[in-house]
N, C-alpha and C. Protein backbone atom coordinates (compact mmCIF):
# COMPACT_ATOMS: atom_id res chain seq x y z
N MET A 1 -35.47 -45.08 10.24
CA MET A 1 -36.46 -45.98 9.71
C MET A 1 -37.88 -45.46 10.23
N SER A 2 -38.83 -45.45 9.29
CA SER A 2 -40.10 -44.91 9.70
C SER A 2 -40.86 -45.87 10.56
N GLU A 3 -41.86 -45.36 11.24
CA GLU A 3 -42.73 -46.25 12.09
C GLU A 3 -43.34 -47.39 11.26
N LYS A 4 -43.81 -47.02 9.95
CA LYS A 4 -44.37 -48.05 9.06
C LYS A 4 -43.40 -49.23 8.85
N ASN A 5 -42.10 -48.82 8.50
CA ASN A 5 -41.12 -49.89 8.27
C ASN A 5 -40.81 -50.72 9.44
N LYS A 6 -40.89 -50.11 10.63
CA LYS A 6 -40.59 -50.90 11.89
C LYS A 6 -41.66 -51.91 12.10
N LYS A 7 -42.93 -51.61 11.81
CA LYS A 7 -44.04 -52.54 12.03
C LYS A 7 -44.08 -53.63 10.99
N GLU A 8 -43.77 -53.24 9.69
CA GLU A 8 -43.83 -54.17 8.59
C GLU A 8 -42.52 -54.95 8.24
N GLY A 9 -41.46 -54.42 8.82
CA GLY A 9 -40.06 -54.96 8.42
C GLY A 9 -39.58 -54.33 7.16
N LEU A 10 -38.35 -54.30 6.97
CA LEU A 10 -37.68 -53.76 5.85
C LEU A 10 -37.54 -54.89 4.79
N ASN A 11 -37.90 -54.65 3.62
CA ASN A 11 -37.78 -55.58 2.47
C ASN A 11 -36.56 -55.28 1.67
N ILE A 12 -35.53 -56.04 1.82
CA ILE A 12 -34.28 -55.89 1.17
C ILE A 12 -34.12 -57.01 0.06
N GLU A 13 -33.87 -56.55 -1.16
CA GLU A 13 -33.68 -57.43 -2.28
C GLU A 13 -32.10 -57.52 -2.46
N LEU A 14 -31.70 -58.76 -2.69
CA LEU A 14 -30.29 -59.12 -2.97
C LEU A 14 -30.17 -59.78 -4.24
N PRO A 15 -29.78 -59.02 -5.41
CA PRO A 15 -29.65 -59.54 -6.70
C PRO A 15 -28.63 -60.68 -6.73
N GLU A 16 -28.85 -61.72 -7.52
CA GLU A 16 -28.00 -62.89 -7.57
C GLU A 16 -26.46 -62.50 -7.83
N GLU A 17 -26.29 -61.60 -8.80
CA GLU A 17 -24.90 -61.22 -9.15
C GLU A 17 -24.15 -60.53 -8.02
N ILE A 18 -24.91 -59.91 -7.07
CA ILE A 18 -24.34 -59.29 -5.83
C ILE A 18 -24.17 -60.32 -4.76
N SER A 19 -25.03 -61.23 -4.72
CA SER A 19 -25.04 -62.21 -3.56
C SER A 19 -23.75 -63.04 -3.45
N GLU A 20 -23.00 -63.13 -4.65
CA GLU A 20 -21.77 -63.96 -4.66
C GLU A 20 -20.64 -63.19 -3.84
N GLY A 21 -20.76 -61.89 -3.78
CA GLY A 21 -19.83 -61.03 -3.04
C GLY A 21 -18.53 -60.93 -3.79
N SER A 22 -17.61 -60.14 -3.26
CA SER A 22 -16.24 -59.88 -3.85
C SER A 22 -15.24 -60.04 -2.65
N TYR A 23 -14.16 -60.82 -3.04
CA TYR A 23 -13.16 -60.95 -1.99
C TYR A 23 -12.21 -59.73 -1.93
N SER A 24 -11.95 -59.37 -0.67
CA SER A 24 -10.98 -58.20 -0.54
C SER A 24 -10.01 -58.51 0.54
N ASN A 25 -8.80 -58.27 0.42
CA ASN A 25 -7.79 -58.45 1.47
C ASN A 25 -7.07 -57.15 1.86
N LEU A 26 -7.59 -56.01 1.33
CA LEU A 26 -7.11 -54.67 1.68
C LEU A 26 -8.27 -53.72 1.50
N ALA A 27 -8.29 -52.76 2.47
CA ALA A 27 -9.27 -51.73 2.25
C ALA A 27 -8.56 -50.33 2.49
N ILE A 28 -8.88 -49.36 1.59
CA ILE A 28 -8.41 -48.06 1.72
C ILE A 28 -9.59 -47.16 2.02
N ILE A 29 -9.35 -46.32 3.03
CA ILE A 29 -10.50 -45.38 3.35
C ILE A 29 -9.97 -43.94 3.24
N ASN A 30 -10.79 -43.22 2.51
CA ASN A 30 -10.56 -41.76 2.45
C ASN A 30 -11.83 -41.06 2.80
N HIS A 31 -11.75 -39.80 3.12
CA HIS A 31 -12.91 -39.01 3.55
C HIS A 31 -12.78 -37.50 3.16
N SER A 32 -13.96 -36.97 3.05
CA SER A 32 -14.10 -35.46 2.89
C SER A 32 -15.00 -35.05 4.00
N PRO A 33 -15.38 -33.79 4.11
CA PRO A 33 -16.30 -33.35 5.18
C PRO A 33 -17.75 -33.88 5.03
N SER A 34 -18.04 -34.44 3.78
CA SER A 34 -19.37 -34.85 3.59
C SER A 34 -19.48 -36.44 3.32
N GLU A 35 -18.40 -37.17 3.11
CA GLU A 35 -18.55 -38.55 2.80
C GLU A 35 -17.26 -39.36 3.09
N PHE A 36 -17.47 -40.64 3.32
CA PHE A 36 -16.35 -41.59 3.45
C PHE A 36 -16.34 -42.44 2.31
N VAL A 37 -15.17 -42.71 1.66
CA VAL A 37 -15.08 -43.62 0.49
C VAL A 37 -14.25 -44.81 0.93
N LEU A 38 -14.82 -45.93 0.85
CA LEU A 38 -14.23 -47.22 1.15
C LEU A 38 -13.86 -48.01 -0.08
N ASP A 39 -12.62 -48.20 -0.50
CA ASP A 39 -12.16 -49.05 -1.60
C ASP A 39 -11.85 -50.27 -1.06
N PHE A 40 -12.40 -51.42 -1.59
CA PHE A 40 -12.05 -52.72 -1.21
C PHE A 40 -11.21 -53.31 -2.37
N ILE A 41 -9.99 -53.79 -2.09
CA ILE A 41 -9.06 -54.21 -3.00
C ILE A 41 -8.64 -55.70 -2.87
N GLN A 42 -8.32 -56.36 -3.95
CA GLN A 42 -7.79 -57.69 -3.89
C GLN A 42 -6.36 -57.64 -4.43
N MET A 43 -5.47 -57.97 -3.47
CA MET A 43 -4.06 -58.09 -3.83
C MET A 43 -3.70 -59.47 -3.97
N MET A 44 -2.75 -59.80 -4.95
CA MET A 44 -2.31 -61.13 -5.15
C MET A 44 -0.83 -61.19 -4.90
N PRO A 45 -0.35 -62.31 -4.18
CA PRO A 45 1.06 -62.40 -3.85
C PRO A 45 1.90 -62.29 -5.16
N GLY A 46 2.96 -61.52 -5.14
CA GLY A 46 3.90 -61.42 -6.19
C GLY A 46 3.48 -60.52 -7.37
N VAL A 47 2.29 -60.03 -7.30
CA VAL A 47 1.69 -59.19 -8.36
C VAL A 47 1.76 -57.70 -7.92
N PRO A 48 2.52 -56.84 -8.58
CA PRO A 48 2.72 -55.50 -8.14
C PRO A 48 1.44 -54.58 -8.32
N LYS A 49 0.53 -55.02 -9.19
CA LYS A 49 -0.64 -54.21 -9.38
C LYS A 49 -1.85 -54.89 -8.71
N ALA A 50 -2.70 -54.01 -8.13
CA ALA A 50 -3.88 -54.46 -7.51
C ALA A 50 -5.07 -53.62 -8.07
N ARG A 51 -6.27 -54.25 -7.99
CA ARG A 51 -7.47 -53.57 -8.52
C ARG A 51 -8.43 -53.37 -7.42
N VAL A 52 -9.14 -52.19 -7.48
CA VAL A 52 -10.22 -51.98 -6.61
C VAL A 52 -11.45 -52.91 -7.05
N LYS A 53 -11.97 -53.76 -6.20
CA LYS A 53 -13.01 -54.61 -6.54
C LYS A 53 -14.36 -53.99 -6.17
N SER A 54 -14.45 -53.09 -5.25
CA SER A 54 -15.72 -52.51 -4.93
C SER A 54 -15.45 -51.19 -4.20
N ARG A 55 -16.22 -50.14 -4.54
CA ARG A 55 -16.14 -48.90 -3.85
C ARG A 55 -17.44 -48.58 -3.21
N ILE A 56 -17.46 -48.23 -1.94
CA ILE A 56 -18.70 -47.94 -1.18
C ILE A 56 -18.48 -46.46 -0.65
N ILE A 57 -19.51 -45.64 -0.87
CA ILE A 57 -19.47 -44.23 -0.47
C ILE A 57 -20.55 -44.03 0.59
N LEU A 58 -20.15 -43.61 1.74
CA LEU A 58 -21.04 -43.46 2.88
C LEU A 58 -21.12 -42.01 3.46
N THR A 59 -22.22 -41.63 4.04
CA THR A 59 -22.27 -40.38 4.82
C THR A 59 -21.45 -40.66 6.02
N PRO A 60 -20.94 -39.52 6.81
CA PRO A 60 -20.24 -39.70 7.99
C PRO A 60 -21.04 -40.46 9.01
N GLN A 61 -22.39 -40.11 9.08
CA GLN A 61 -23.24 -40.80 10.05
C GLN A 61 -23.30 -42.31 9.86
N HIS A 62 -23.51 -42.69 8.57
CA HIS A 62 -23.56 -44.13 8.26
C HIS A 62 -22.26 -44.79 8.45
N ALA A 63 -21.12 -44.16 8.26
CA ALA A 63 -19.79 -44.65 8.49
C ALA A 63 -19.69 -44.95 10.01
N LYS A 64 -20.13 -44.05 10.78
CA LYS A 64 -19.99 -44.29 12.18
C LYS A 64 -20.86 -45.45 12.58
N ARG A 65 -22.13 -45.53 12.13
CA ARG A 65 -22.98 -46.73 12.41
C ARG A 65 -22.35 -48.07 11.94
N LEU A 66 -21.63 -48.06 10.81
CA LEU A 66 -21.02 -49.24 10.27
C LEU A 66 -19.87 -49.59 11.25
N MET A 67 -19.07 -48.65 11.72
CA MET A 67 -18.07 -48.93 12.65
C MET A 67 -18.50 -49.53 13.86
N LYS A 68 -19.62 -49.01 14.43
CA LYS A 68 -20.21 -49.55 15.64
C LYS A 68 -20.73 -51.08 15.41
N ALA A 69 -21.35 -51.26 14.28
CA ALA A 69 -21.91 -52.62 13.96
C ALA A 69 -20.73 -53.56 13.72
N LEU A 70 -19.65 -53.18 13.07
CA LEU A 70 -18.45 -54.07 12.90
C LEU A 70 -17.79 -54.34 14.24
N ASN A 71 -17.74 -53.31 15.08
CA ASN A 71 -17.18 -53.59 16.46
C ASN A 71 -18.01 -54.66 17.25
N GLU A 72 -19.40 -54.43 17.15
CA GLU A 72 -20.16 -55.39 17.92
C GLU A 72 -20.05 -56.75 17.32
N ASN A 73 -20.02 -56.93 16.05
CA ASN A 73 -19.92 -58.31 15.37
C ASN A 73 -18.51 -58.92 15.62
N ILE A 74 -17.47 -58.10 15.54
CA ILE A 74 -16.20 -58.65 15.89
C ILE A 74 -16.11 -59.15 17.35
N THR A 75 -16.70 -58.46 18.24
CA THR A 75 -16.82 -58.79 19.71
C THR A 75 -17.45 -60.13 19.79
N LYS A 76 -18.62 -60.35 19.09
CA LYS A 76 -19.38 -61.54 19.20
C LYS A 76 -18.51 -62.73 18.51
N PHE A 77 -17.94 -62.43 17.42
CA PHE A 77 -17.08 -63.45 16.69
C PHE A 77 -16.05 -63.89 17.67
N GLU A 78 -15.27 -62.94 18.24
CA GLU A 78 -14.18 -63.34 19.14
C GLU A 78 -14.69 -64.08 20.38
N GLY A 79 -15.89 -63.81 20.80
CA GLY A 79 -16.40 -64.56 21.90
C GLY A 79 -16.72 -66.05 21.60
N GLN A 80 -17.01 -66.29 20.35
CA GLN A 80 -17.24 -67.60 19.88
C GLN A 80 -16.09 -68.36 19.43
N HIS A 81 -15.14 -67.66 18.79
CA HIS A 81 -14.06 -68.32 18.12
C HIS A 81 -12.64 -67.87 18.55
N GLY A 82 -12.55 -66.97 19.57
CA GLY A 82 -11.26 -66.59 20.05
C GLY A 82 -10.76 -65.30 19.37
N GLU A 83 -9.76 -64.69 19.87
CA GLU A 83 -9.30 -63.41 19.37
C GLU A 83 -8.74 -63.49 17.95
N ILE A 84 -9.08 -62.57 17.14
CA ILE A 84 -8.52 -62.47 15.76
C ILE A 84 -7.19 -61.90 15.94
N LYS A 85 -6.22 -62.60 15.37
CA LYS A 85 -4.84 -62.15 15.49
C LYS A 85 -4.56 -61.12 14.31
N ASP A 86 -4.02 -59.94 14.61
CA ASP A 86 -3.66 -58.98 13.63
C ASP A 86 -2.28 -59.37 12.97
N ILE A 87 -2.20 -59.33 11.67
CA ILE A 87 -0.98 -59.62 10.98
C ILE A 87 -0.14 -58.38 11.01
N ASP A 88 1.12 -58.47 10.69
CA ASP A 88 2.01 -57.38 10.61
C ASP A 88 1.57 -56.42 9.46
N SER A 89 1.22 -55.20 9.82
CA SER A 89 0.73 -54.29 8.79
C SER A 89 1.82 -53.38 8.21
N SER A 90 3.13 -53.74 8.51
CA SER A 90 4.17 -52.95 7.96
C SER A 90 4.64 -53.35 6.55
N ALA A 91 3.84 -54.17 5.86
CA ALA A 91 4.10 -54.63 4.50
C ALA A 91 4.15 -53.33 3.70
N ASN A 92 4.82 -53.42 2.55
CA ASN A 92 5.01 -52.23 1.76
C ASN A 92 3.74 -52.08 0.86
N VAL A 93 2.72 -51.62 1.51
CA VAL A 93 1.48 -51.35 0.77
C VAL A 93 1.20 -49.81 0.87
N PRO A 94 1.13 -49.18 -0.26
CA PRO A 94 0.91 -47.74 -0.36
C PRO A 94 -0.47 -47.45 0.43
N ILE A 95 -0.44 -46.32 1.15
CA ILE A 95 -1.65 -45.90 1.84
C ILE A 95 -2.71 -45.33 0.78
N ASN A 96 -2.24 -44.77 -0.29
CA ASN A 96 -3.06 -44.18 -1.25
C ASN A 96 -2.75 -44.67 -2.66
N PHE A 97 -3.74 -45.26 -3.33
CA PHE A 97 -3.50 -45.80 -4.65
C PHE A 97 -3.82 -44.71 -5.72
N GLY A 98 -3.43 -43.51 -5.47
CA GLY A 98 -3.61 -42.48 -6.47
C GLY A 98 -4.97 -41.74 -6.40
N GLY A 99 -5.77 -42.12 -5.35
CA GLY A 99 -7.03 -41.49 -5.12
C GLY A 99 -6.82 -40.13 -4.38
N PRO A 100 -7.91 -39.47 -3.96
CA PRO A 100 -7.79 -38.32 -3.18
C PRO A 100 -7.22 -38.46 -1.83
N THR A 101 -6.46 -37.54 -1.43
CA THR A 101 -5.86 -37.58 0.00
C THR A 101 -6.89 -37.36 1.02
N ALA A 102 -6.86 -38.13 2.03
CA ALA A 102 -7.89 -37.96 3.12
C ALA A 102 -7.81 -36.56 3.69
N GLN A 103 -8.97 -36.08 4.08
CA GLN A 103 -9.09 -34.73 4.74
C GLN A 103 -9.80 -34.89 6.06
N ALA A 104 -9.41 -34.13 7.02
CA ALA A 104 -10.09 -34.13 8.36
C ALA A 104 -11.25 -33.19 8.35
């Protein structure tokens, strides 16, 4: 962020159609040497087909900043509301929905 933006603040616009958000109960993450691709999916019980509701593409640096911000916010949330219990992740959910295979 530039020195000018720090003094004036960052002006972020949130369009109405985006402000409603999209529900997701599954995220698939793939990466290449230059980007991370996050697919947010909504799965419905008993329905064998799921749709990607949103795809976000990040630079590796931004992905790492997002990871740190999520970690900080989860720590704060758990401090106020108690530990978030992880559910059994062994459900039969494919790791890859036909997209590119993750690369290191």
